[in-house]
N, C-alpha and C. Protein backbone atom coordinates (compact mmCIF):
# COMPACT_ATOMS: atom_id res chain seq x y z
N MET A 1 0.87 -1.20 0.53
CA MET A 1 0.13 0.54 -0.39
C MET A 1 0.74 1.11 -0.36
N LYS A 2 0.43 2.23 -0.65
CA LYS A 2 1.32 3.23 -0.98
C LYS A 2 0.70 4.10 0.32
N GLU A 3 2.93 4.10 0.79
CA GLU A 3 2.39 5.00 2.51
C GLU A 3 2.34 6.04 3.05
N ASP A 4 2.18 6.91 1.21
CA ASP A 4 1.58 8.14 1.94
C ASP A 4 0.11 8.23 2.47
N LEU A 5 -1.22 7.04 2.67
CA LEU A 5 -2.65 6.87 2.73
C LEU A 5 -2.26 7.41 4.20
N PHE A 6 -1.12 7.08 5.03
CA PHE A 6 -0.96 6.90 6.21
C PHE A 6 0.65 8.47 6.35
N SER A 7 -0.22 9.66 5.91
CA SER A 7 0.78 10.26 5.84
C SER A 7 -0.29 11.33 5.14
N LEU A 8 -1.14 11.36 5.77
CA LEU A 8 -2.17 12.81 5.68
C LEU A 8 -2.16 13.37 7.05
N PRO A 9 -2.34 15.31 6.33
CA PRO A 9 -2.37 15.73 6.96
C PRO A 9 -3.19 15.99 8.28
N GLY A 10 -2.71 15.23 9.86
CA GLY A 10 -3.07 15.47 10.52
C GLY A 10 -2.49 14.19 11.64
N GLY A 11 -1.98 12.78 11.38
CA GLY A 11 -1.58 11.92 11.87
C GLY A 11 -2.05 10.80 11.04
N LYS A 12 -1.84 9.45 11.93
CA LYS A 12 -1.67 8.61 10.69
C LYS A 12 -3.51 7.42 11.13
N ILE A 13 -3.91 7.34 10.12
CA ILE A 13 -5.00 6.59 9.40
C ILE A 13 -5.32 5.64 10.16
N GLN A 14 -6.08 5.34 11.39
CA GLN A 14 -6.68 3.86 11.23
C GLN A 14 -8.04 3.08 11.23
N GLY A 15 -9.10 3.68 10.37
CA GLY A 15 -9.96 3.71 9.46
C GLY A 15 -10.59 4.45 8.12
N ALA A 16 -11.14 3.28 6.98
CA ALA A 16 -10.80 3.65 6.17
C ALA A 16 -13.16 4.02 6.02
N ILE A 17 -13.65 5.11 5.61
CA ILE A 17 -15.07 5.00 5.51
C ILE A 17 -15.46 4.85 3.70
N PHE A 18 -15.93 4.48 3.25
CA PHE A 18 -16.94 4.70 2.15
C PHE A 18 -17.75 4.91 1.28
N ASP A 19 -18.08 6.05 0.45
CA ASP A 19 -19.55 6.01 0.10
C ASP A 19 -19.35 4.31 -0.64
N LEU A 20 -20.30 4.43 -1.06
CA LEU A 20 -20.90 3.39 -2.14
C LEU A 20 -20.54 4.04 -3.48
N ASP A 21 -21.97 4.36 -4.02
CA ASP A 21 -22.54 5.04 -5.34
C ASP A 21 -21.09 6.40 -5.68
N GLY A 22 -20.49 5.49 -6.73
CA GLY A 22 -19.29 6.10 -7.61
C GLY A 22 -18.01 6.03 -7.14
N VAL A 23 -17.77 5.21 -5.67
CA VAL A 23 -16.59 5.36 -5.00
C VAL A 23 -15.67 3.63 -5.21
N LEU A 24 -17.40 2.19 -5.38
CA LEU A 24 -16.59 1.12 -5.38
C LEU A 24 -17.49 0.04 -6.37
N VAL A 25 -18.38 0.88 -6.59
CA VAL A 25 -19.34 0.35 -7.55
C VAL A 25 -20.31 1.35 -8.59
N ASP A 26 -20.22 1.96 -9.38
CA ASP A 26 -21.35 2.71 -10.40
C ASP A 26 -23.11 2.17 -10.48
N THR A 27 -23.46 2.42 -9.53
CA THR A 27 -25.05 2.60 -9.77
C THR A 27 -26.04 3.48 -10.17
N ALA A 28 -25.44 4.64 -10.16
CA ALA A 28 -25.61 6.19 -10.33
C ALA A 28 -26.58 5.76 -11.93
N LYS A 29 -26.26 4.95 -13.03
CA LYS A 29 -27.13 4.86 -13.97
C LYS A 29 -28.60 3.91 -13.47
N TYR A 30 -28.59 3.02 -12.59
CA TYR A 30 -29.98 2.47 -11.89
C TYR A 30 -30.78 3.99 -11.69
N HIS A 31 -29.98 4.16 -10.99
CA HIS A 31 -31.09 5.83 -10.38
C HIS A 31 -31.05 6.25 -11.13
N TYR A 32 -30.28 6.57 -12.15
CA TYR A 32 -30.93 7.65 -13.15
C TYR A 32 -31.62 6.75 -13.77
N LEU A 33 -32.27 5.75 -14.35
CA LEU A 33 -33.15 5.08 -15.08
C LEU A 33 -34.46 4.81 -14.59
N ALA A 34 -34.08 4.30 -13.39
CA ALA A 34 -35.33 4.48 -12.46
C ALA A 34 -35.96 6.27 -12.57
N TRP A 35 -35.11 6.70 -12.52
CA TRP A 35 -35.62 8.11 -12.00
C TRP A 35 -36.22 8.76 -12.88
N LYS A 36 -35.70 8.08 -14.69
CA LYS A 36 -36.34 9.10 -15.74
C LYS A 36 -37.44 8.10 -15.85
N ARG A 37 -37.34 6.69 -15.30
CA ARG A 37 -39.02 6.56 -15.96
C ARG A 37 -39.93 7.26 -14.91
N LEU A 38 -39.58 7.37 -14.02
CA LEU A 38 -41.02 7.93 -13.10
C LEU A 38 -41.54 9.40 -13.34
N ALA A 39 -39.76 10.16 -13.74
CA ALA A 39 -40.31 11.64 -14.20
C ALA A 39 -41.25 11.08 -15.98
N ARG A 40 -41.20 10.80 -16.94
CA ARG A 40 -42.04 10.26 -17.48
C ARG A 40 -42.84 10.14 -17.72
N GLU A 41 -43.83 9.22 -16.30
CA GLU A 41 -45.09 8.11 -15.78
C GLU A 41 -45.42 10.81 -15.76
N LEU A 42 -44.58 10.73 -15.48
CA LEU A 42 -45.10 12.29 -14.05
C LEU A 42 -45.11 12.87 -15.63
N GLY A 43 -44.79 12.73 -16.55
CA GLY A 43 -45.22 13.37 -17.56
C GLY A 43 -43.71 14.28 -18.50
N PHE A 44 -42.60 14.28 -18.16
CA PHE A 44 -41.82 15.55 -18.14
C PHE A 44 -40.15 14.67 -18.63
N ASP A 45 -39.31 15.14 -19.01
CA ASP A 45 -38.09 14.50 -19.53
C ASP A 45 -37.11 15.05 -18.12
N PHE A 46 -36.10 13.73 -17.91
CA PHE A 46 -35.85 14.21 -16.89
C PHE A 46 -34.25 13.80 -17.45
N ARG A 47 -33.33 14.73 -17.75
CA ARG A 47 -32.40 14.56 -18.22
C ARG A 47 -30.88 14.53 -17.18
N GLU A 48 -29.64 13.96 -17.53
CA GLU A 48 -28.97 13.83 -17.20
C GLU A 48 -27.68 14.64 -16.23
N GLU A 49 -28.04 15.73 -17.09
CA GLU A 49 -27.34 16.72 -16.14
C GLU A 49 -28.34 17.04 -14.92
N ASP A 50 -29.81 16.78 -14.90
CA ASP A 50 -30.46 17.20 -14.22
C ASP A 50 -30.00 15.94 -12.71
N ASN A 51 -29.62 15.32 -12.87
CA ASN A 51 -29.81 13.49 -12.46
C ASN A 51 -28.48 14.19 -11.74
N GLU A 52 -27.46 15.14 -12.43
CA GLU A 52 -26.08 15.41 -11.06
C GLU A 52 -26.50 16.10 -9.63
N ARG A 53 -27.87 16.53 -9.86
CA ARG A 53 -28.69 17.53 -8.34
C ARG A 53 -28.52 16.56 -7.55
N LEU A 54 -28.20 14.72 -8.07
CA LEU A 54 -29.25 13.55 -7.24
C LEU A 54 -28.22 13.15 -6.24
N LYS A 55 -26.74 13.44 -6.79
CA LYS A 55 -25.03 13.45 -6.30
C LYS A 55 -25.49 13.23 -4.64
N GLY A 56 -25.31 11.73 -4.16
CA GLY A 56 -24.82 12.55 -3.00
C GLY A 56 -26.00 12.15 -1.56
N VAL A 57 -27.85 12.71 -2.00
CA VAL A 57 -28.38 12.50 -1.47
C VAL A 57 -29.64 12.00 -0.88
N SER A 58 -29.81 11.67 0.08
CA SER A 58 -31.38 10.80 -0.04
C SER A 58 -32.82 10.32 -0.67
N ARG A 59 -33.08 9.39 -1.02
CA ARG A 59 -33.93 9.07 -1.92
C ARG A 59 -35.71 10.49 -2.05
N MET A 60 -35.48 10.76 -0.89
CA MET A 60 -37.16 11.62 -0.75
C MET A 60 -36.00 13.23 -0.72
N ARG A 61 -35.36 13.39 -0.93
CA ARG A 61 -35.06 14.51 -1.09
C ARG A 61 -34.68 14.86 -2.74
N SER A 62 -33.75 13.74 -2.97
CA SER A 62 -33.64 12.98 -4.99
C SER A 62 -35.28 13.56 -6.03
N LEU A 63 -36.08 12.99 -4.59
CA LEU A 63 -37.57 12.49 -5.23
C LEU A 63 -38.19 14.39 -5.38
N GLU A 64 -37.86 15.01 -4.01
CA GLU A 64 -38.12 16.44 -4.50
C GLU A 64 -37.36 17.84 -4.83
N ILE A 65 -35.97 17.61 -5.33
CA ILE A 65 -35.44 17.83 -6.57
C ILE A 65 -36.82 17.71 -7.18
N LEU A 66 -36.33 15.94 -8.06
CA LEU A 66 -36.59 15.81 -9.28
C LEU A 66 -38.03 16.94 -9.18
N LEU A 67 -38.54 16.40 -8.02
CA LEU A 67 -40.28 16.64 -8.77
C LEU A 67 -40.21 18.85 -8.75
N GLU A 68 -38.74 19.62 -8.71
CA GLU A 68 -39.11 20.45 -8.52
C GLU A 68 -38.39 20.64 -9.89
N THR A 69 -37.29 20.01 -10.48
CA THR A 69 -37.41 19.64 -12.02
C THR A 69 -38.65 20.15 -12.76
N GLY A 70 -40.06 19.01 -12.64
CA GLY A 70 -40.68 19.03 -13.54
C GLY A 70 -41.42 19.74 -13.56
N ARG A 71 -41.20 20.74 -12.05
CA ARG A 71 -42.76 21.68 -11.54
C ARG A 71 -43.67 21.03 -10.67
N CYS A 72 -43.84 20.06 -10.61
CA CYS A 72 -45.08 18.82 -10.06
C CYS A 72 -45.26 19.40 -8.87
N LYS A 73 -46.44 18.88 -8.26
CA LYS A 73 -46.63 18.71 -6.69
C LYS A 73 -47.36 17.37 -6.40
N MET A 74 -46.61 17.44 -5.03
CA MET A 74 -47.03 15.83 -4.77
C MET A 74 -47.34 16.15 -2.78
N ASN A 75 -48.92 15.14 -2.58
CA ASN A 75 -48.71 15.70 -1.10
C ASN A 75 -47.80 14.17 -0.44
N GLY A 76 -47.76 14.14 0.93
CA GLY A 76 -47.49 13.44 1.44
C GLY A 76 -46.82 11.85 0.72
N ALA A 77 -48.27 10.88 1.22
CA ALA A 77 -48.97 10.10 1.38
C ALA A 77 -48.26 9.90 -0.76
N GLU A 78 -48.51 10.21 -1.58
CA GLU A 78 -48.02 10.47 -2.61
C GLU A 78 -46.29 10.13 -3.20
N LYS A 79 -45.55 10.99 -2.20
CA LYS A 79 -44.62 11.20 -2.41
C LYS A 79 -43.91 10.04 -1.69
N THR A 80 -44.90 8.82 -0.91
CA THR A 80 -44.14 8.03 -0.39
C THR A 80 -44.28 6.87 -1.31
N GLU A 81 -45.48 7.38 -2.18
CA GLU A 81 -45.87 5.87 -2.54
C GLU A 81 -44.64 6.23 -4.62
N ALA A 82 -44.64 7.76 -5.01
CA ALA A 82 -43.60 7.25 -5.29
C ALA A 82 -42.38 7.22 -5.50
N ALA A 83 -41.74 7.23 -4.32
CA ALA A 83 -40.28 7.17 -3.72
C ALA A 83 -39.86 5.81 -4.08
N ALA A 84 -41.18 4.91 -3.56
CA ALA A 84 -41.16 3.25 -3.13
C ALA A 84 -41.38 2.57 -4.73
N LYS A 85 -41.95 3.18 -5.64
CA LYS A 85 -42.59 2.84 -7.09
C LYS A 85 -41.06 3.08 -8.18
N LYS A 86 -40.28 4.77 -7.27
CA LYS A 86 -39.13 4.30 -8.36
C LYS A 86 -38.04 3.58 -7.17
N ASN A 87 -37.89 2.93 -6.49
CA ASN A 87 -37.09 2.11 -5.20
C ASN A 87 -37.36 0.81 -6.41
N ASN A 88 -38.92 0.15 -6.12
CA ASN A 88 -38.44 -1.36 -7.00
C ASN A 88 -37.81 -0.95 -8.47
N TRP A 89 -38.52 -0.35 -9.00
CA TRP A 89 -37.26 -0.42 -9.97
C TRP A 89 -36.53 -1.00 -9.86
N TYR A 90 -35.80 0.64 -9.32
CA TYR A 90 -33.90 0.30 -9.08
C TYR A 90 -33.28 -0.77 -8.89
N VAL A 91 -34.24 -1.53 -7.91
CA VAL A 91 -33.89 -2.67 -7.07
C VAL A 91 -34.30 -4.40 -8.71
N GLU A 92 -35.03 -3.92 -9.17
CA GLU A 92 -35.39 -4.61 -10.36
C GLU A 92 -33.56 -4.45 -11.12
N TYR A 93 -33.03 -3.28 -11.61
CA TYR A 93 -31.94 -3.13 -12.17
C TYR A 93 -30.93 -3.79 -11.28
N LEU A 94 -31.03 -3.46 -9.72
CA LEU A 94 -29.51 -4.01 -9.28
C LEU A 94 -29.25 -5.73 -9.33
N ARG A 95 -30.44 -6.21 -9.85
CA ARG A 95 -30.67 -7.42 -9.20
C ARG A 95 -29.54 -7.84 -10.34
N THR A 96 -28.87 -7.42 -11.44
CA THR A 96 -28.59 -7.35 -12.21
C THR A 96 -27.41 -7.28 -12.57
N LEU A 97 -26.72 -6.86 -10.95
CA LEU A 97 -24.99 -6.43 -10.75
C LEU A 97 -24.94 -7.73 -10.63
N ASP A 98 -23.46 -7.86 -11.32
CA ASP A 98 -22.30 -9.12 -9.95
C ASP A 98 -20.53 -8.42 -10.40
N GLU A 99 -19.73 -9.09 -9.95
CA GLU A 99 -18.49 -8.77 -9.46
C GLU A 99 -18.08 -7.68 -10.52
N SER A 100 -18.50 -8.24 -11.77
CA SER A 100 -17.67 -7.37 -13.21
C SER A 100 -18.04 -6.15 -12.39
N ALA A 101 -19.39 -5.00 -11.74
CA ALA A 101 -19.55 -3.91 -11.87
C ALA A 101 -18.40 -3.21 -10.70
N LEU A 102 -17.96 -3.91 -9.94
CA LEU A 102 -17.44 -3.02 -8.66
C LEU A 102 -15.90 -2.11 -9.55
N LEU A 103 -15.44 -0.63 -9.34
CA LEU A 103 -15.28 0.30 -9.93
C LEU A 103 -13.59 -0.33 -9.92
N PRO A 104 -12.52 0.21 -10.96
CA PRO A 104 -11.10 -0.22 -10.87
C PRO A 104 -10.75 0.02 -9.06
N GLY A 105 -10.03 -0.90 -8.74
CA GLY A 105 -8.99 -1.06 -6.72
C GLY A 105 -9.68 -1.14 -6.32
N ALA A 106 -11.68 -1.72 -6.14
CA ALA A 106 -12.15 -1.67 -5.20
C ALA A 106 -11.49 -2.60 -5.05
N ARG A 107 -12.32 -3.74 -5.30
CA ARG A 107 -11.36 -5.02 -4.26
C ARG A 107 -10.52 -5.15 -3.80
N GLU A 108 -9.35 -4.74 -4.32
CA GLU A 108 -8.07 -5.13 -3.96
C GLU A 108 -7.70 -3.80 -3.76
N PHE A 109 -7.98 -3.16 -3.48
CA PHE A 109 -7.29 -1.73 -2.11
C PHE A 109 -8.30 -2.34 -0.26
N LEU A 110 -10.25 -2.84 -1.29
CA LEU A 110 -10.68 -3.28 0.00
C LEU A 110 -9.61 -4.39 1.09
N GLU A 111 -8.84 -5.53 0.13
CA GLU A 111 -7.96 -6.51 0.49
C GLU A 111 -7.08 -5.87 1.65
N ARG A 112 -6.13 -4.85 0.64
CA ARG A 112 -5.46 -4.08 1.35
C ARG A 112 -5.38 -3.92 3.01
N LEU A 113 -6.01 -3.46 1.92
CA LEU A 113 -6.70 -2.25 3.71
C LEU A 113 -6.74 -3.06 4.99
N LYS A 114 -7.84 -4.02 4.66
CA LYS A 114 -7.60 -5.42 5.82
C LYS A 114 -6.55 -5.65 6.18
N ALA A 115 -5.56 -6.87 5.34
CA ALA A 115 -3.70 -6.83 5.24
C ALA A 115 -3.49 -6.34 5.97
N GLU A 116 -3.65 -4.96 6.39
CA GLU A 116 -2.82 -4.11 7.31
C GLU A 116 -3.66 -3.91 8.38
N GLY A 117 -4.86 -4.61 8.50
CA GLY A 117 -5.87 -3.93 9.96
C GLY A 117 -6.10 -3.25 9.61
N ILE A 118 -6.52 -2.09 8.76
CA ILE A 118 -7.29 -1.14 8.67
C ILE A 118 -8.49 -1.31 8.77
N LYS A 119 -9.15 -0.58 9.75
CA LYS A 119 -11.01 -1.28 9.82
C LYS A 119 -11.18 0.00 8.52
N THR A 120 -12.62 -0.67 8.15
CA THR A 120 -13.27 -0.78 6.35
C THR A 120 -14.85 -0.58 8.01
N ALA A 121 -15.36 0.98 7.01
CA ALA A 121 -17.10 0.61 7.38
C ALA A 121 -17.19 1.64 5.91
N LEU A 122 -18.46 1.07 5.74
CA LEU A 122 -19.55 1.60 4.05
C LEU A 122 -20.16 2.77 5.34
N GLY A 123 -20.14 3.64 4.45
CA GLY A 123 -21.40 5.40 4.70
C GLY A 123 -21.88 5.68 3.40
N SER A 124 -23.34 4.89 3.52
CA SER A 124 -23.77 5.54 2.68
C SER A 124 -25.10 5.77 2.76
N ALA A 125 -25.69 6.44 2.47
CA ALA A 125 -27.31 6.93 1.86
C ALA A 125 -28.14 5.73 1.38
N SER A 126 -27.53 4.43 0.40
CA SER A 126 -28.59 3.88 0.17
C SER A 126 -29.25 2.89 0.93
N LYS A 127 -30.16 2.64 0.89
CA LYS A 127 -30.67 1.83 1.64
C LYS A 127 -30.69 0.08 1.11
N ASN A 128 -30.24 0.25 0.32
CA ASN A 128 -30.23 -0.74 -0.97
C ASN A 128 -28.84 -1.16 -0.84
N ALA A 129 -28.01 -0.47 0.84
CA ALA A 129 -27.04 -1.47 0.44
C ALA A 129 -25.96 -2.34 0.91
N PRO A 130 -26.54 -3.21 1.73
CA PRO A 130 -26.57 -4.28 1.56
C PRO A 130 -27.03 -5.33 0.52
N LEU A 131 -28.39 -4.81 0.13
CA LEU A 131 -27.48 -5.97 -1.08
C LEU A 131 -27.16 -5.52 -2.23
N ILE A 132 -26.99 -4.23 -2.68
CA ILE A 132 -25.46 -4.22 -3.48
C ILE A 132 -24.29 -4.96 -3.58
N LEU A 133 -24.09 -4.84 -2.20
CA LEU A 133 -22.36 -5.44 -1.11
C LEU A 133 -23.14 -6.90 -1.12
N GLU A 134 -23.51 -7.47 -1.47
CA GLU A 134 -24.27 -9.10 -1.89
C GLU A 134 -23.84 -9.57 -3.02
N ARG A 135 -24.25 -8.36 -4.22
CA ARG A 135 -24.43 -8.50 -5.99
C ARG A 135 -23.04 -8.97 -6.16
N LEU A 136 -22.19 -7.75 -5.36
CA LEU A 136 -20.69 -7.94 -5.48
C LEU A 136 -20.45 -8.60 -4.61
N GLY A 137 -20.21 -9.12 -3.71
CA GLY A 137 -19.86 -10.25 -3.17
C GLY A 137 -18.56 -9.33 -2.73
N ILE A 138 -18.51 -8.63 -1.78
CA ILE A 138 -17.40 -7.72 -0.69
C ILE A 138 -17.90 -7.55 0.59
N GLY A 139 -18.79 -8.20 0.57
CA GLY A 139 -19.92 -7.54 2.06
C GLY A 139 -18.83 -7.81 3.07
N GLY A 140 -17.97 -9.58 3.10
CA GLY A 140 -16.81 -10.01 4.22
C GLY A 140 -15.65 -8.77 4.63
N LEU A 141 -16.14 -7.83 3.05
CA LEU A 141 -14.61 -6.32 3.34
C LEU A 141 -14.45 -5.82 4.42
N PHE A 142 -15.56 -5.82 4.98
CA PHE A 142 -15.72 -4.36 5.80
C PHE A 142 -16.80 -4.97 6.83
N ASN A 143 -16.33 -3.97 8.82
CA ASN A 143 -16.11 -4.23 9.21
C ASN A 143 -17.55 -4.05 9.97
N ALA A 144 -17.75 -3.00 9.47
CA ALA A 144 -19.41 -2.31 9.62
C ALA A 144 -20.20 -1.72 8.43
N VAL A 145 -21.58 -1.45 8.56
CA VAL A 145 -21.98 -1.41 7.17
C VAL A 145 -23.06 -0.01 8.08
N ILE A 146 -22.79 1.15 7.73
CA ILE A 146 -24.26 2.56 7.63
C ILE A 146 -24.60 2.34 6.43
N ASP A 147 -26.01 2.49 6.70
CA ASP A 147 -26.65 2.51 5.22
C ASP A 147 -27.90 3.42 5.94
N GLY A 148 -28.95 3.53 4.53
CA GLY A 148 -29.93 4.98 4.71
C GLY A 148 -30.70 3.96 5.55
N ASN A 149 -30.75 2.83 6.17
CA ASN A 149 -32.03 2.23 7.39
C ASN A 149 -30.95 2.25 8.63
N ARG A 150 -30.40 2.98 8.22
CA ARG A 150 -29.40 3.24 10.09
C ARG A 150 -29.47 4.30 9.98
N VAL A 151 -29.42 5.64 9.24
CA VAL A 151 -29.53 7.45 9.96
C VAL A 151 -30.65 7.85 9.38
N SER A 152 -30.95 8.60 9.80
CA SER A 152 -32.17 10.23 9.54
C SER A 152 -31.61 11.35 8.62
N ARG A 153 -31.23 11.30 8.70
CA ARG A 153 -30.03 13.08 8.02
C ARG A 153 -28.80 12.34 6.92
N ALA A 154 -29.81 13.58 5.82
CA ALA A 154 -28.41 13.18 4.16
C ALA A 154 -27.56 13.77 4.68
N LYS A 155 -26.47 13.39 4.27
CA LYS A 155 -25.54 14.23 4.24
C LYS A 155 -25.78 15.30 3.27
N PRO A 156 -24.76 16.68 3.29
CA PRO A 156 -24.30 17.02 4.48
C PRO A 156 -24.21 16.80 5.20
N ASP A 157 -24.73 16.48 6.18
CA ASP A 157 -24.93 16.45 7.83
C ASP A 157 -24.03 15.06 7.55
N PRO A 158 -22.36 14.99 8.93
CA PRO A 158 -22.39 13.72 9.13
C PRO A 158 -22.37 12.91 9.31
N GLU A 159 -24.42 12.56 10.32
CA GLU A 159 -24.58 11.56 10.98
C GLU A 159 -23.61 9.94 10.55
N VAL A 160 -23.85 9.53 8.68
CA VAL A 160 -23.51 8.18 8.24
C VAL A 160 -22.41 8.17 8.84
N PHE A 161 -21.24 9.22 7.77
CA PHE A 161 -19.71 8.99 8.62
C PHE A 161 -19.69 8.11 10.41
N LEU A 162 -19.82 9.93 10.77
CA LEU A 162 -19.73 9.93 12.72
C LEU A 162 -20.68 8.29 12.76
N LYS A 163 -21.70 7.73 12.95
CA LYS A 163 -21.62 5.83 13.45
C LYS A 163 -20.94 5.27 12.53
N GLY A 164 -20.42 5.51 11.22
CA GLY A 164 -19.60 4.54 10.87
C GLY A 164 -17.99 4.91 11.42
N ALA A 165 -17.42 5.57 12.05
CA ALA A 165 -16.88 6.03 13.18
C ALA A 165 -17.15 5.14 14.20
N GLU A 166 -18.73 5.16 14.83
CA GLU A 166 -18.36 4.58 16.38
C GLU A 166 -18.79 2.90 16.33
N ALA A 167 -19.18 2.57 15.40
CA ALA A 167 -18.89 1.35 14.91
C ALA A 167 -17.55 0.52 14.38
N LEU A 168 -17.03 1.34 14.23
CA LEU A 168 -15.08 0.75 13.98
C LEU A 168 -14.57 1.01 15.92
N HIS A 169 -15.35 1.79 16.37
CA HIS A 169 -14.44 1.98 17.92
C HIS A 169 -13.24 3.54 17.02
N LEU A 170 -13.73 3.73 16.75
CA LEU A 170 -12.47 4.72 16.79
C LEU A 170 -12.81 6.28 16.47
N ALA A 171 -12.46 7.51 16.63
CA ALA A 171 -12.79 8.96 16.73
C ALA A 171 -12.06 8.67 15.27
N PRO A 172 -13.41 10.19 15.08
CA PRO A 172 -13.72 10.75 13.81
C PRO A 172 -12.09 11.25 12.65
N ARG A 173 -11.91 11.53 13.89
CA ARG A 173 -10.22 12.48 13.34
C ARG A 173 -8.81 11.49 13.17
N VAL A 174 -9.17 9.46 13.29
CA VAL A 174 -8.20 9.13 12.66
C VAL A 174 -9.24 8.22 11.66
N CYS A 175 -10.35 8.66 10.80
CA CYS A 175 -10.86 7.63 10.33
C CYS A 175 -10.60 8.52 8.39
N VAL A 176 -10.53 7.93 7.54
CA VAL A 176 -10.71 8.93 5.76
C VAL A 176 -11.59 8.34 5.22
N VAL A 177 -12.17 9.23 5.40
CA VAL A 177 -13.99 8.94 4.39
C VAL A 177 -12.83 9.36 2.40
N PHE A 178 -13.40 7.99 1.85
CA PHE A 178 -13.78 8.28 0.42
C PHE A 178 -14.78 8.69 -0.39
N GLU A 179 -14.44 9.82 -0.78
CA GLU A 179 -15.75 10.14 -1.35
C GLU A 179 -16.04 10.99 -3.08
N ASP A 180 -17.54 10.84 -3.46
CA ASP A 180 -17.16 11.07 -4.46
C ASP A 180 -17.91 12.46 -5.02
N ALA A 181 -19.17 12.86 -3.73
CA ALA A 181 -20.02 14.10 -4.47
C ALA A 181 -19.37 15.10 -3.13
N LEU A 182 -19.42 16.51 -3.60
CA LEU A 182 -19.83 17.27 -2.56
C LEU A 182 -20.75 16.91 -1.15
N ALA A 183 -21.51 17.14 -1.23
CA ALA A 183 -22.37 16.69 0.45
C ALA A 183 -21.77 15.53 1.07
N GLY A 184 -20.60 14.11 0.02
CA GLY A 184 -19.71 13.72 1.21
C GLY A 184 -18.95 14.18 1.67
N VAL A 185 -18.41 15.48 0.82
CA VAL A 185 -17.32 16.04 1.19
C VAL A 185 -17.21 16.82 2.72
N GLU A 186 -18.07 17.52 1.95
CA GLU A 186 -18.78 18.14 2.94
C GLU A 186 -19.01 17.78 4.56
N ALA A 187 -20.04 16.40 4.45
CA ALA A 187 -20.06 15.89 5.57
C ALA A 187 -19.28 15.30 6.74
N ALA A 188 -17.99 14.44 5.02
CA ALA A 188 -17.02 14.30 6.09
C ALA A 188 -16.35 14.99 6.92
N ARG A 189 -15.45 16.32 6.20
CA ARG A 189 -15.28 17.85 7.04
C ARG A 189 -16.34 17.92 8.13
N ALA A 190 -17.06 17.61 8.14
CA ALA A 190 -18.36 18.68 9.18
C ALA A 190 -18.22 17.63 10.27
N GLY A 191 -17.71 16.63 10.25
CA GLY A 191 -17.20 15.14 11.32
C GLY A 191 -15.84 14.92 11.65
N GLY A 192 -15.52 15.99 10.57
CA GLY A 192 -14.00 16.18 11.39
C GLY A 192 -13.21 15.32 11.01
N MET A 193 -13.48 14.52 10.20
CA MET A 193 -12.35 13.48 8.92
C MET A 193 -11.90 13.98 8.13
N ARG A 194 -11.05 13.35 7.18
CA ARG A 194 -9.65 13.17 6.66
C ARG A 194 -10.65 12.92 5.35
N VAL A 195 -10.27 13.40 4.19
CA VAL A 195 -11.31 12.89 2.88
C VAL A 195 -10.49 12.77 1.96
N ILE A 196 -10.25 11.88 1.22
CA ILE A 196 -9.68 11.70 -0.16
C ILE A 196 -11.09 11.63 -0.81
N ALA A 197 -10.92 12.11 -1.93
CA ALA A 197 -11.99 12.79 -3.19
C ALA A 197 -11.55 11.80 -4.31
N LEU A 198 -12.92 11.23 -5.08
CA LEU A 198 -13.05 10.55 -6.50
C LEU A 198 -13.21 11.48 -7.38
N GLY A 199 -11.82 12.93 -7.80
CA GLY A 199 -13.02 13.58 -8.56
C GLY A 199 -11.75 14.21 -8.72
N LYS A 200 -12.47 16.54 -9.23
CA LYS A 200 -11.38 17.18 -9.83
C LYS A 200 -11.84 18.52 -8.65
N PRO A 201 -10.20 19.12 -7.58
CA PRO A 201 -10.24 19.59 -6.57
C PRO A 201 -11.80 20.89 -7.99
N ASP A 202 -11.61 21.04 -8.24
CA ASP A 202 -12.59 22.37 -8.56
C ASP A 202 -14.48 22.17 -8.98
N LEU A 203 -14.56 20.46 -8.99
CA LEU A 203 -16.21 19.90 -8.54
C LEU A 203 -15.87 19.51 -6.99
N LEU A 204 -15.13 19.41 -6.25
CA LEU A 204 -15.22 18.85 -4.61
C LEU A 204 -14.26 19.12 -4.27
N PRO A 205 -13.92 21.05 -3.62
CA PRO A 205 -13.34 21.51 -2.59
C PRO A 205 -13.17 20.53 -2.18
N GLY A 206 -12.14 20.91 -0.93
CA GLY A 206 -11.99 20.34 0.18
C GLY A 206 -11.74 19.12 0.75
N ALA A 207 -11.27 18.60 -0.16
CA ALA A 207 -10.86 17.19 0.24
C ALA A 207 -9.50 17.78 0.49
N ASP A 208 -8.65 16.60 1.08
CA ASP A 208 -7.08 16.68 1.59
C ASP A 208 -6.36 16.02 0.54
N ARG A 209 -6.69 15.14 -0.19
CA ARG A 209 -6.27 14.53 -1.27
C ARG A 209 -7.24 14.83 -2.59
N TYR A 210 -6.76 14.21 -3.95
CA TYR A 210 -8.04 13.70 -5.21
C TYR A 210 -7.29 12.68 -5.89
N ILE A 211 -7.78 11.60 -6.00
CA ILE A 211 -7.68 10.46 -6.72
C ILE A 211 -8.82 10.37 -8.37
N SER A 212 -8.55 9.39 -9.90
CA SER A 212 -9.39 9.02 -9.92
C SER A 212 -10.23 7.51 -9.92
N SER A 213 -9.53 7.45 -9.22
CA SER A 213 -9.93 5.45 -8.91
C SER A 213 -9.65 5.21 -7.24
N LEU A 214 -9.70 3.98 -7.19
CA LEU A 214 -9.17 3.79 -5.88
C LEU A 214 -7.88 2.96 -6.65
N LYS A 215 -7.87 2.32 -7.71
CA LYS A 215 -7.12 1.72 -8.11
C LYS A 215 -5.45 3.16 -8.20
N ASP A 216 -5.72 4.45 -7.93
CA ASP A 216 -4.63 5.19 -7.88
C ASP A 216 -4.38 4.48 -6.11
N MET A 217 -5.14 4.08 -4.99
CA MET A 217 -4.45 3.53 -3.83
C MET A 217 -3.04 2.59 -3.71
N LEU A 218 -3.63 1.77 -4.44
CA LEU A 218 -3.03 0.70 -4.88
C LEU A 218 -1.32 1.10 -5.18
């Protein structure tokens, strides 16, 4: 493992917390297909550029953004039904996932962290994280999984990452978060953690380091 993982400003890293979508696997396309299908049912087109606003936020907030885009109104019950419908479509798409969907370097880096004694946690807003980890065959590489079923506040609130650190029995200051969304970078910073961002500084300001994929960490 590259020694520089342990030399981020602030001292040695003891735990690594990973976002899911865009970091370990690209399920964004399945989210987009499901949201686009819902938008079409509501009578408007949902474009890929509109979908950028949905990165790293919760399902219900994503629905609100979609409704804002289409200038649609729904009451609480209708929102619940629409979100459930979208999720059912998304889960249908997820069942086609297999290990080949892992992003470059993901499995190898997780295995290396485990071999080096670095604790790992998943910190994702996705309520489908357990299913995704099962389909990818990497569930056993995490010491803890914090998903949308265990948090009530969406990023940029740091709740998901703080719960990840707590589950690892580590202080936030000795954890590093791997993120690809601005809301996630902000959440990690708000939680007192260091951040390695998968992306560019102009799009993800505030990270300690930038990489193109986890392959860069090998």
